[in-house]
PDB file of all heavy atoms in Angstrom:
ATOM      1  N   ASP A   1     117.863  80.063 105.923  1.00  0.00           N
ATOM      2  CA  ASP A   1     116.874  81.129 105.729  1.00  0.00           C
ATOM      3  C   ASP A   1     117.042  82.281 106.705  1.00  0.00           C
ATOM      4  O   ASP A   1     116.271  83.245 106.668  1.00  0.00           O
ATOM      5  CB  ASP A   1     115.458  80.557 105.862  1.00  0.00           C
ATOM      6  CG  ASP A   1     115.139  79.538 104.772  1.00  0.00           C
ATOM      7  OD1 ASP A   1     115.773  79.612 103.700  1.00  0.00           O
ATOM      8  OD2 ASP A   1     114.268  78.679 104.996  1.00  0.00           O
ATOM      9  N   ILE A   2     118.040  82.173 107.608  1.00  0.00           N
ATOM     10  CA  ILE A   2     118.249  83.209 108.627  1.00  0.00           C
ATOM     11  C   ILE A   2     119.690  83.690 108.537  1.00  0.00           C
ATOM     12  O   ILE A   2     120.616  82.891 108.460  1.00  0.00           O
ATOM     13  CB  ILE A   2     117.950  82.659 110.039  1.00  0.00           C
ATOM     14  CG1 ILE A   2     116.503  82.161 110.102  1.00  0.00           C
ATOM     15  CG2 ILE A   2     118.191  83.734 111.091  1.00  0.00           C
ATOM     16  CD1 ILE A   2     116.145  81.486 111.411  1.00  0.00           C
ATOM     17  N   GLU A   3     119.902  84.986 108.560  1.00  0.00           N
ATOM     18  CA  GLU A   3     121.229  85.553 108.330  1.00  0.00           C
ATOM     19  C   GLU A   3     122.155  85.439 109.535  1.00  0.00           C
ATOM     20  O   GLU A   3     123.368  85.328 109.381  1.00  0.00           O
ATOM     21  CB  GLU A   3     121.106  87.018 107.920  1.00  0.00           C
ATOM     22  CG  GLU A   3     120.415  87.222 106.567  1.00  0.00           C
ATOM     23  CD  GLU A   3     120.363  88.680 106.164  1.00  0.00           C
ATOM     24  OE1 GLU A   3     120.852  89.533 106.950  1.00  0.00           O
ATOM     25  OE2 GLU A   3     119.834  88.987 105.086  1.00  0.00           O
ATOM     26  N   TYR A   4     121.610  85.479 110.746  1.00  0.00           N
ATOM     27  CA  TYR A   4     122.461  85.530 111.937  1.00  0.00           C
ATOM     28  C   TYR A   4     122.627  84.142 112.561  1.00  0.00           C
ATOM     29  O   TYR A   4     121.876  83.200 112.264  1.00  0.00           O
ATOM     30  CB  TYR A   4     121.867  86.483 112.979  1.00  0.00           C
ATOM     31  CG  TYR A   4     120.409  86.230 113.300  1.00  0.00           C
ATOM     32  CD1 TYR A   4     120.044  85.283 114.264  1.00  0.00           C
ATOM     33  CD2 TYR A   4     119.397  86.936 112.651  1.00  0.00           C
ATOM     34  CE1 TYR A   4     118.723  85.050 114.571  1.00  0.00           C
ATOM     35  CE2 TYR A   4     118.061  86.700 112.946  1.00  0.00           C
ATOM     36  CZ  TYR A   4     117.731  85.748 113.905  1.00  0.00           C
ATOM     37  OH  TYR A   4     116.417  85.506 114.191  1.00  0.00           O
ATOM     38  N   ASP A   5     123.660  84.019 113.436  1.00  0.00           N
ATOM     39  CA  ASP A   5     123.900  82.763 114.144  1.00  0.00           C
ATOM     40  C   ASP A   5     122.786  82.489 115.151  1.00  0.00           C
ATOM     41  O   ASP A   5     122.196  83.419 115.714  1.00  0.00           O
ATOM     42  CB  ASP A   5     125.232  82.821 114.901  1.00  0.00           C
ATOM     43  CG  ASP A   5     126.420  82.857 113.953  1.00  0.00           C
ATOM     44  OD1 ASP A   5     126.238  82.514 112.768  1.00  0.00           O
ATOM     45  OD2 ASP A   5     127.522  83.232 114.402  1.00  0.00           O
ATOM     46  N   ILE A   6     122.521  81.209 115.363  1.00  0.00           N
ATOM     47  CA  ILE A   6     121.483  80.796 116.315  1.00  0.00           C
ATOM     48  C   ILE A   6     122.138  79.956 117.405  1.00  0.00           C
ATOM     49  O   ILE A   6     122.951  79.075 117.110  1.00  0.00           O
ATOM     50  CB  ILE A   6     120.376  79.985 115.617  1.00  0.00           C
ATOM     51  CG1 ILE A   6     119.767  80.802 114.468  1.00  0.00           C
ATOM     52  CG2 ILE A   6     119.292  79.583 116.611  1.00  0.00           C
ATOM     53  CD1 ILE A   6     118.809  79.991 113.615  1.00  0.00           C
ATOM     54  N   GLU A   7     121.794  80.225 118.647  1.00  0.00           N
ATOM     55  CA  GLU A   7     122.287  79.441 119.770  1.00  0.00           C
ATOM     56  C   GLU A   7     121.177  78.538 120.300  1.00  0.00           C
ATOM     57  O   GLU A   7     120.024  78.944 120.379  1.00  0.00           O
ATOM     58  CB  GLU A   7     122.771  80.352 120.903  1.00  0.00           C
ATOM     59  CG  GLU A   7     124.071  81.062 120.621  1.00  0.00           C
ATOM     60  CD  GLU A   7     124.579  81.823 121.837  1.00  0.00           C
ATOM     61  OE1 GLU A   7     124.058  81.580 122.956  1.00  0.00           O
ATOM     62  OE2 GLU A   7     125.477  82.667 121.687  1.00  0.00           O
ATOM     63  N   LYS A   8     121.554  77.310 120.627  1.00  0.00           N
ATOM     64  CA  LYS A   8     120.602  76.377 121.229  1.00  0.00           C
ATOM     65  C   LYS A   8     121.246  75.744 122.449  1.00  0.00           C
ATOM     66  O   LYS A   8     122.318  75.126 122.355  1.00  0.00           O
ATOM     67  CB  LYS A   8     120.218  75.283 120.223  1.00  0.00           C
ATOM     68  CG  LYS A   8     119.198  74.291 120.769  1.00  0.00           C
ATOM     69  CD  LYS A   8     117.849  74.981 120.989  1.00  0.00           C
ATOM     70  CE  LYS A   8     116.822  74.002 121.522  1.00  0.00           C
ATOM     71  NZ  LYS A   8     115.489  74.622 121.672  1.00  0.00           N
ATOM     72  N   THR A   9     120.623  75.906 123.602  1.00  0.00           N
ATOM     73  CA  THR A   9     121.125  75.324 124.842  1.00  0.00           C
ATOM     74  C   THR A   9     120.407  74.011 125.126  1.00  0.00           C
ATOM     75  O   THR A   9     119.175  73.951 125.096  1.00  0.00           O
ATOM     76  CB  THR A   9     120.917  76.292 126.022  1.00  0.00           C
ATOM     77  OG1 THR A   9     121.660  77.494 125.775  1.00  0.00           O
ATOM     78  CG2 THR A   9     121.402  75.663 127.323  1.00  0.00           C
ATOM     79  N   ILE A  10     121.179  72.976 125.361  1.00  0.00           N
ATOM     80  CA  ILE A  10     120.637  71.652 125.676  1.00  0.00           C
ATOM     81  C   ILE A  10     120.998  71.333 127.127  1.00  0.00           C
ATOM     82  O   ILE A  10     122.183  71.270 127.480  1.00  0.00           O
ATOM     83  CB  ILE A  10     121.206  70.582 124.723  1.00  0.00           C
ATOM     84  CG1 ILE A  10     120.818  70.908 123.274  1.00  0.00           C
ATOM     85  CG2 ILE A  10     120.725  69.197 125.122  1.00  0.00           C
ATOM     86  CD1 ILE A  10     121.476  70.018 122.256  1.00  0.00           C
ATOM     87  N   VAL A  11     120.003  71.172 127.960  1.00  0.00           N
ATOM     88  CA  VAL A  11     120.213  70.929 129.389  1.00  0.00           C
ATOM     89  C   VAL A  11     120.395  69.437 129.626  1.00  0.00           C
ATOM     90  O   VAL A  11     119.657  68.602 129.088  1.00  0.00           O
ATOM     91  CB  VAL A  11     119.015  71.453 130.204  1.00  0.00           C
ATOM     92  CG1 VAL A  11     119.200  71.140 131.693  1.00  0.00           C
ATOM     93  CG2 VAL A  11     118.848  72.958 129.990  1.00  0.00           C
ATOM     94  N   PHE A  12     121.401  69.087 130.415  1.00  0.00           N
ATOM     95  CA  PHE A  12     121.636  67.693 130.785  1.00  0.00           C
ATOM     96  C   PHE A  12     120.715  67.321 131.944  1.00  0.00           C
ATOM     97  O   PHE A  12     120.740  67.976 132.993  1.00  0.00           O
ATOM     98  CB  PHE A  12     123.089  67.470 131.200  1.00  0.00           C
ATOM     99  CG  PHE A  12     124.077  67.711 130.104  1.00  0.00           C
ATOM    100  CD1 PHE A  12     125.098  68.638 130.271  1.00  0.00           C
ATOM    101  CD2 PHE A  12     123.982  67.034 128.895  1.00  0.00           C
ATOM    102  CE1 PHE A  12     126.025  68.867 129.259  1.00  0.00           C
ATOM    103  CE2 PHE A  12     124.905  67.259 127.882  1.00  0.00           C
ATOM    104  CZ  PHE A  12     125.927  68.181 128.060  1.00  0.00           C
ATOM    105  N   ASP A  13     119.920  66.289 131.764  1.00  0.00           N
ATOM    106  CA  ASP A  13     118.995  65.844 132.799  1.00  0.00           C
ATOM    107  C   ASP A  13     119.138  64.335 132.985  1.00  0.00           C
ATOM    108  O   ASP A  13     118.652  63.567 132.159  1.00  0.00           O
ATOM    109  CB  ASP A  13     117.565  66.189 132.406  1.00  0.00           C
ATOM    110  CG  ASP A  13     116.569  65.855 133.509  1.00  0.00           C
ATOM    111  OD1 ASP A  13     117.007  65.719 134.671  1.00  0.00           O
ATOM    112  OD2 ASP A  13     115.373  65.710 133.195  1.00  0.00           O
ATOM    113  N   PRO A  14     119.829  63.916 134.038  1.00  0.00           N
ATOM    114  CA  PRO A  14     120.447  64.701 135.107  1.00  0.00           C
ATOM    115  C   PRO A  14     121.765  65.324 134.637  1.00  0.00           C
ATOM    116  O   PRO A  14     122.257  64.979 133.555  1.00  0.00           O
ATOM    117  CB  PRO A  14     120.689  63.650 136.186  1.00  0.00           C
ATOM    118  CG  PRO A  14     120.902  62.388 135.425  1.00  0.00           C
ATOM    119  CD  PRO A  14     119.971  62.456 134.256  1.00  0.00           C
ATOM    120  N   PRO A  15     122.322  66.212 135.446  1.00  0.00           N
ATOM    121  CA  PRO A  15     123.590  66.854 135.072  1.00  0.00           C
ATOM    122  C   PRO A  15     124.718  65.833 134.941  1.00  0.00           C
ATOM    123  O   PRO A  15     124.655  64.736 135.491  1.00  0.00           O
ATOM    124  CB  PRO A  15     123.857  67.829 136.238  1.00  0.00           C
ATOM    125  CG  PRO A  15     122.520  68.058 136.844  1.00  0.00           C
ATOM    126  CD  PRO A  15     121.766  66.766 136.697  1.00  0.00           C
ATOM    127  N   LEU A  16     125.742  66.217 134.198  1.00  0.00           N
ATOM    128  CA  LEU A  16     126.930  65.374 134.087  1.00  0.00           C
ATOM    129  C   LEU A  16     127.605  65.288 135.448  1.00  0.00           C
ATOM    130  O   LEU A  16     127.781  66.296 136.129  1.00  0.00           O
ATOM    131  CB  LEU A  16     127.908  65.954 133.062  1.00  0.00           C
ATOM    132  CG  LEU A  16     127.427  66.025 131.604  1.00  0.00           C
ATOM    133  CD1 LEU A  16     128.501  66.682 130.751  1.00  0.00           C
ATOM    134  CD2 LEU A  16     127.097  64.637 131.069  1.00  0.00           C
ATOM    135  N   GLU A  17     127.980  64.074 135.824  1.00  0.00           N
ATOM    136  CA  GLU A  17     128.606  63.879 137.129  1.00  0.00           C
ATOM    137  C   GLU A  17     129.878  63.068 136.990  1.00  0.00           C
ATOM    138  O   GLU A  17     130.120  62.420 135.977  1.00  0.00           O
ATOM    139  CB  GLU A  17     127.636  63.173 138.083  1.00  0.00           C
ATOM    140  CG  GLU A  17     126.379  63.984 138.403  1.00  0.00           C
ATOM    141  CD  GLU A  17     125.434  63.231 139.312  1.00  0.00           C
ATOM    142  OE1 GLU A  17     125.696  62.027 139.565  1.00  0.00           O
ATOM    143  OE2 GLU A  17     124.446  63.823 139.776  1.00  0.00           O
ATOM    144  N   GLY A  18     130.678  63.071 138.061  1.00  0.00           N
ATOM    145  CA  GLY A  18     131.896  62.283 138.090  1.00  0.00           C
ATOM    146  C   GLY A  18     133.037  62.969 137.370  1.00  0.00           C
ATOM    147  O   GLY A  18     132.986  64.160 137.053  1.00  0.00           O
ATOM    148  N   ASP A  19     134.084  62.199 137.115  1.00  0.00           N
ATOM    149  CA  ASP A  19     135.256  62.765 136.466  1.00  0.00           C
ATOM    150  C   ASP A  19     135.021  62.907 134.965  1.00  0.00           C
ATOM    151  O   ASP A  19     133.939  62.605 134.445  1.00  0.00           O
ATOM    152  CB  ASP A  19     136.491  61.907 136.741  1.00  0.00           C
ATOM    153  CG  ASP A  19     136.298  60.451 136.278  1.00  0.00           C
ATOM    154  OD1 ASP A  19     135.424  60.203 135.419  1.00  0.00           O
ATOM    155  OD2 ASP A  19     137.020  59.586 136.768  1.00  0.00           O
ATOM    156  N   ARG A  20     136.056  63.367 134.272  1.00  0.00           N
ATOM    157  CA  ARG A  20     135.901  63.643 132.840  1.00  0.00           C
ATOM    158  C   ARG A  20     135.615  62.380 132.044  1.00  0.00           C
ATOM    159  O   ARG A  20     134.831  62.400 131.094  1.00  0.00           O
ATOM    160  CB  ARG A  20     137.162  64.324 132.307  1.00  0.00           C
ATOM    161  CG  ARG A  20     136.966  64.919 130.919  1.00  0.00           C
ATOM    162  CD  ARG A  20     138.183  65.681 130.459  1.00  0.00           C
ATOM    163  NE  ARG A  20     139.286  64.783 130.118  1.00  0.00           N
ATOM    164  CZ  ARG A  20     140.432  65.197 129.570  1.00  0.00           C
ATOM    165  NH1 ARG A  20     140.634  66.481 129.382  1.00  0.00           N
ATOM    166  NH2 ARG A  20     141.383  64.332 129.277  1.00  0.00           N
ATOM    167  N   ASP A  21     136.203  61.249 132.425  1.00  0.00           N
ATOM    168  CA  ASP A  21     135.973  60.001 131.704  1.00  0.00           C
ATOM    169  C   ASP A  21     134.508  59.579 131.783  1.00  0.00           C
ATOM    170  O   ASP A  21     133.925  59.116 130.786  1.00  0.00           O
ATOM    171  CB  ASP A  21     136.865  58.893 132.256  1.00  0.00           C
ATOM    172  CG  ASP A  21     138.331  59.099 131.899  1.00  0.00           C
ATOM    173  OD1 ASP A  21     138.589  59.852 130.941  1.00  0.00           O
ATOM    174  OD2 ASP A  21     139.206  58.522 132.592  1.00  0.00           O
ATOM    175  N   LYS A  22     133.907  59.713 132.970  1.00  0.00           N
ATOM    176  CA  LYS A  22     132.500  59.367 133.108  1.00  0.00           C
ATOM    177  C   LYS A  22     131.625  60.306 132.282  1.00  0.00           C
ATOM    178  O   LYS A  22     130.637  59.884 131.670  1.00  0.00           O
ATOM    179  CB  LYS A  22     132.086  59.413 134.587  1.00  0.00           C
ATOM    180  CG  LYS A  22     132.681  58.292 135.423  1.00  0.00           C
ATOM    181  CD  LYS A  22     132.168  58.360 136.857  1.00  0.00           C
ATOM    182  CE  LYS A  22     132.739  57.210 137.680  1.00  0.00           C
ATOM    183  NZ  LYS A  22     132.266  57.257 139.093  1.00  0.00           N
ATOM    184  N   ALA A  23     131.989  61.587 132.277  1.00  0.00           N
ATOM    185  CA  ALA A  23     131.223  62.548 131.483  1.00  0.00           C
ATOM    186  C   ALA A  23     131.304  62.223 129.999  1.00  0.00           C
ATOM    187  O   ALA A  23     130.298  62.249 129.281  1.00  0.00           O
ATOM    188  CB  ALA A  23     131.738  63.963 131.752  1.00  0.00           C
ATOM    189  N   TRP A  24     132.512  61.891 129.527  1.00  0.00           N
ATOM    190  CA  TRP A  24     132.688  61.530 128.117  1.00  0.00           C
ATOM    191  C   TRP A  24     131.927  60.257 127.790  1.00  0.00           C
ATOM    192  O   TRP A  24     131.350  60.127 126.700  1.00  0.00           O
ATOM    193  CB  TRP A  24     134.170  61.358 127.800  1.00  0.00           C
ATOM    194  CG  TRP A  24     134.880  62.635 127.510  1.00  0.00           C
ATOM    195  CD1 TRP A  24     135.831  63.224 128.278  1.00  0.00           C
ATOM    196  CD2 TRP A  24     134.699  63.489 126.379  1.00  0.00           C
ATOM    197  NE1 TRP A  24     136.258  64.398 127.695  1.00  0.00           N
ATOM    198  CE2 TRP A  24     135.576  64.583 126.538  1.00  0.00           C
ATOM    199  CE3 TRP A  24     133.870  63.448 125.272  1.00  0.00           C
ATOM    200  CZ2 TRP A  24     135.651  65.616 125.618  1.00  0.00           C
ATOM    201  CZ3 TRP A  24     133.941  64.475 124.340  1.00  0.00           C
ATOM    202  CH2 TRP A  24     134.827  65.548 124.521  1.00  0.00           C
ATOM    203  N   GLY A  25     131.915  59.307 128.722  1.00  0.00           N
ATOM    204  CA  GLY A  25     131.169  58.077 128.498  1.00  0.00           C
ATOM    205  C   GLY A  25     129.692  58.342 128.312  1.00  0.00           C
ATOM    206  O   GLY A  25     129.054  57.755 127.427  1.00  0.00           O
ATOM    207  N   ARG A  26     129.137  59.248 129.102  1.00  0.00           N
ATOM    208  CA  ARG A  26     127.715  59.573 128.954  1.00  0.00           C
ATOM    209  C   ARG A  26     127.461  60.302 127.643  1.00  0.00           C
ATOM    210  O   ARG A  26     126.459  60.044 126.966  1.00  0.00           O
ATOM    211  CB  ARG A  26     127.257  60.425 130.141  1.00  0.00           C
ATOM    212  CG  ARG A  26     125.777  60.764 130.048  1.00  0.00           C
ATOM    213  CD  ARG A  26     125.281  61.486 131.254  1.00  0.00           C
ATOM    214  NE  ARG A  26     123.973  62.058 131.009  1.00  0.00           N
ATOM    215  CZ  ARG A  26     123.384  62.940 131.800  1.00  0.00           C
ATOM    216  NH1 ARG A  26     124.004  63.327 132.921  1.00  0.00           N
ATOM    217  NH2 ARG A  26     122.207  63.422 131.505  1.00  0.00           N
ATOM    218  N   LEU A  27     128.354  61.204 127.274  1.00  0.00           N
ATOM    219  CA  LEU A  27     128.193  61.917 126.003  1.00  0.00           C
ATOM    220  C   LEU A  27     128.231  60.956 124.819  1.00  0.00           C
ATOM    221  O   LEU A  27     127.474  61.110 123.859  1.00  0.00           O
ATOM    222  CB  LEU A  27     129.274  62.990 125.855  1.00  0.00           C
ATOM    223  CG  LEU A  27     129.142  64.226 126.743  1.00  0.00           C
ATOM    224  CD1 LEU A  27     130.370  65.099 126.602  1.00  0.00           C
ATOM    225  CD2 LEU A  27     127.879  65.008 126.400  1.00  0.00           C
ATOM    226  N   ARG A  28     129.100  59.968 124.898  1.00  0.00           N
ATOM    227  CA  ARG A  28     129.162  58.979 123.820  1.00  0.00           C
ATOM    228  C   ARG A  28     127.866  58.181 123.733  1.00  0.00           C
ATOM    229  O   ARG A  28     127.362  57.906 122.637  1.00  0.00           O
ATOM    230  CB  ARG A  28     130.363  58.051 124.026  1.00  0.00           C
ATOM    231  CG  ARG A  28     131.702  58.689 123.670  1.00  0.00           C
ATOM    232  CD  ARG A  28     132.791  57.636 123.586  1.00  0.00           C
ATOM    233  NE  ARG A  28     133.071  57.038 124.886  1.00  0.00           N
ATOM    234  CZ  ARG A  28     134.017  57.472 125.705  1.00  0.00           C
ATOM    235  NH1 ARG A  28     134.768  58.509 125.381  1.00  0.00           N
ATOM    236  NH2 ARG A  28     134.223  56.877 126.872  1.00  0.00           N
ATOM    237  N   ARG A  29     127.312  57.812 124.892  1.00  0.00           N
ATOM    238  CA  ARG A  29     126.036  57.077 124.888  1.00  0.00           C
ATOM    239  C   ARG A  29     124.924  57.955 124.317  1.00  0.00           C
ATOM    240  O   ARG A  29     124.087  57.476 123.539  1.00  0.00           O
ATOM    241  CB  ARG A  29     125.690  56.616 126.297  1.00  0.00           C
ATOM    242  CG  ARG A  29     126.599  55.504 126.828  1.00  0.00           C
ATOM    243  CD  ARG A  29     126.019  54.891 128.097  1.00  0.00           C
ATOM    244  NE  ARG A  29     125.915  55.858 129.181  1.00  0.00           N
ATOM    245  CZ  ARG A  29     126.888  56.112 130.040  1.00  0.00           C
ATOM    246  NH1 ARG A  29     128.063  55.500 129.926  1.00  0.00           N
ATOM    247  NH2 ARG A  29     126.710  56.989 131.006  1.00  0.00           N
ATOM    248  N   MET A  30     124.915  59.217 124.699  1.00  0.00           N
ATOM    249  CA  MET A  30     123.912  60.138 124.166  1.00  0.00           C
ATOM    250  C   MET A  30     124.048  60.279 122.653  1.00  0.00           C
ATOM    251  O   MET A  30     123.048  60.328 121.927  1.00  0.00           O
ATOM    252  CB  MET A  30     124.053  61.515 124.831  1.00  0.00           C
ATOM    253  CG  MET A  30     123.634  61.561 126.283  1.00  0.00           C
ATOM    254  SD  MET A  30     123.967  63.184 127.048  1.00  0.00           S
ATOM    255  CE  MET A  30     122.914  64.258 126.023  1.00  0.00           C
ATOM    256  N   ALA A  31     125.300  60.330 122.178  1.00  0.00           N
ATOM    257  CA  ALA A  31     125.540  60.477 120.740  1.00  0.00           C
ATOM    258  C   ALA A  31     125.012  59.263 119.983  1.00  0.00           C
ATOM    259  O   ALA A  31     124.389  59.390 118.921  1.00  0.00           O
ATOM    260  CB  ALA A  31     127.029  60.679 120.477  1.00  0.00           C
ATOM    261  N   ARG A  32     125.262  58.064 120.505  1.00  0.00           N
ATOM    262  CA  ARG A  32     124.796  56.848 119.835  1.00  0.00           C
ATOM    263  C   ARG A  32     123.274  56.769 119.850  1.00  0.00           C
ATOM    264  O   ARG A  32     122.658  56.353 118.859  1.00  0.00           O
ATOM    265  CB  ARG A  32     125.414  55.620 120.488  1.00  0.00           C
ATOM    266  CG  ARG A  32     126.931  55.555 120.313  1.00  0.00           C
ATOM    267  CD  ARG A  32     127.486  54.224 120.724  1.00  0.00           C
ATOM    268  NE  ARG A  32     128.935  54.202 120.580  1.00  0.00           N
ATOM    269  CZ  ARG A  32     129.634  53.138 120.225  1.00  0.00           C
ATOM    270  NH1 ARG A  32     129.014  52.010 119.948  1.00  0.00           N
ATOM    271  NH2 ARG A  32     130.947  53.181 120.128  1.00  0.00           N
ATOM    272  N   GLU A  33     122.673  57.135 120.974  1.00  0.00           N
ATOM    273  CA  GLU A  33     121.217  57.111 121.062  1.00  0.00           C
ATOM    274  C   GLU A  33     120.593  58.117 120.094  1.00  0.00           C
ATOM    275  O   GLU A  33     119.600  57.814 119.425  1.00  0.00           O
ATOM    276  CB  GLU A  33     120.778  57.416 122.492  1.00  0.00           C
ATOM    277  CG  GLU A  33     121.111  56.311 123.487  1.00  0.00           C
ATOM    278  CD  GLU A  33     120.868  56.726 124.927  1.00  0.00           C
ATOM    279  OE1 GLU A  33     120.379  57.864 125.140  1.00  0.00           O
ATOM    280  OE2 GLU A  33     121.163  55.923 125.833  1.00  0.00           O
ATOM    281  N   ALA A  34     121.203  59.301 120.008  1.00  0.00           N
ATOM    282  CA  ALA A  34     120.678  60.322 119.101  1.00  0.00           C
ATOM    283  C   ALA A  34     120.806  59.880 117.646  1.00  0.00           C
ATOM    284  O   ALA A  34     119.878  60.057 116.841  1.00  0.00           O
ATOM    285  CB  ALA A  34     121.412  61.647 119.321  1.00  0.00           C
ATOM    286  N   ALA A  35     121.941  59.284 117.283  1.00  0.00           N
ATOM    287  CA  ALA A  35     122.124  58.799 115.907  1.00  0.00           C
ATOM    288  C   ALA A  35     121.116  57.706 115.591  1.00  0.00           C
ATOM    289  O   ALA A  35     120.554  57.665 114.487  1.00  0.00           O
ATOM    290  CB  ALA A  35     123.552  58.297 115.724  1.00  0.00           C
ATOM    291  N   ALA A  36     120.888  56.802 116.540  1.00  0.00           N
ATOM    292  CA  ALA A  36     119.936  55.712 116.317  1.00  0.00           C
ATOM    293  C   ALA A  36     118.526  56.251 116.098  1.00  0.00           C
ATOM    294  O   ALA A  36     117.783  55.742 115.253  1.00  0.00           O
ATOM    295  CB  ALA A  36     119.961  54.753 117.503  1.00  0.00           C
ATOM    296  N   LYS A  37     118.159  57.289 116.835  1.00  0.00           N
ATOM    297  CA  LYS A  37     116.826  57.884 116.661  1.00  0.00           C
ATOM    298  C   LYS A  37     116.669  58.544 115.300  1.00  0.00           C
ATOM    299  O   LYS A  37     115.556  58.637 114.772  1.00  0.00           O
ATOM    300  CB  LYS A  37     116.562  58.902 117.775  1.00  0.00           C
ATOM    301  CG  LYS A  37     116.347  58.266 119.135  1.00  0.00           C
ATOM    302  CD  LYS A  37     116.089  59.309 120.206  1.00  0.00           C
ATOM    303  CE  LYS A  37     115.861  58.650 121.560  1.00  0.00           C
ATOM    304  NZ  LYS A  37     115.626  59.636 122.654  1.00  0.00           N
ATOM    305  N   ARG A  38     117.782  58.989 114.728  1.00  0.00           N
ATOM    306  CA  ARG A  38     117.741  59.589 113.390  1.00  0.00           C
ATOM    307  C   ARG A  38     117.988  58.549 112.305  1.00  0.00           C
ATOM    308  O   ARG A  38     118.031  58.888 111.126  1.00  0.00           O
ATOM    309  CB  ARG A  38     118.791  60.700 113.282  1.00  0.00           C
ATOM    310  CG  ARG A  38     118.585  61.859 114.236  1.00  0.00           C
ATOM    311  CD  ARG A  38     119.601  62.952 113.965  1.00  0.00           C
ATOM    312  NE  ARG A  38     119.328  63.602 112.686  1.00  0.00           N
ATOM    313  CZ  ARG A  38     120.195  64.362 112.034  1.00  0.00           C
ATOM    314  NH1 ARG A  38     121.419  64.537 112.519  1.00  0.00           N
ATOM    315  NH2 ARG A  38     119.869  64.925 110.885  1.00  0.00           N
ATOM    316  N   HIS A  39     118.164  57.291 112.711  1.00  0.00           N
ATOM    317  CA  HIS A  39     118.412  56.186 111.777  1.00  0.00           C
ATOM    318  C   HIS A  39     119.679  56.446 110.961  1.00  0.00           C
ATOM    319  O   HIS A  39     119.717  56.238 109.743  1.00  0.00           O
ATOM    320  CB  HIS A  39     117.214  55.976 110.849  1.00  0.00           C
ATOM    321  CG  HIS A  39     115.922  55.765 111.580  1.00  0.00           C
ATOM    322  ND1 HIS A  39     115.642  54.620 112.300  1.00  0.00           N
ATOM    323  CD2 HIS A  39     114.840  56.582 111.728  1.00  0.00           C
ATOM    324  CE1 HIS A  39     114.444  54.717 112.840  1.00  0.00           C
ATOM    325  NE2 HIS A  39     113.942  55.895 112.517  1.00  0.00           N
ATOM    326  N   LEU A  40     120.723  56.897 111.667  1.00  0.00           N
ATOM    327  CA  LEU A  40     122.009  57.178 111.047  1.00  0.00           C
ATOM    328  C   LEU A  40     123.119  56.527 111.866  1.00  0.00           C
ATOM    329  O   LEU A  40     122.923  56.178 113.028  1.00  0.00           O
ATOM    330  CB  LEU A  40     122.253  58.695 110.975  1.00  0.00           C
ATOM    331  CG  LEU A  40     121.313  59.504 110.083  1.00  0.00           C
ATOM    332  CD1 LEU A  40     121.530  60.997 110.314  1.00  0.00           C
ATOM    333  CD2 LEU A  40     121.515  59.161 108.613  1.00  0.00           C
ATOM    334  N   ALA A  41     124.283  56.376 111.247  1.00  0.00           N
ATOM    335  CA  ALA A  41     125.441  55.869 111.970  1.00  0.00           C
ATOM    336  C   ALA A  41     125.930  56.923 112.958  1.00  0.00           C
ATOM    337  O   ALA A  41     125.718  58.125 112.758  1.00  0.00           O
ATOM    338  CB  ALA A  41     126.553  55.503 110.996  1.00  0.00           C
TER     339      ALA A  41
END
């Protein structure tokens, strides 16, 4: 319903820490938790 692009900033609380592997591990956990809350795979 809107013609232009929309930006949404999501703040990490707490911030991502450690090396890239640890950051990816947290993102994967967040992804699974978010999917579960939406009752999706």
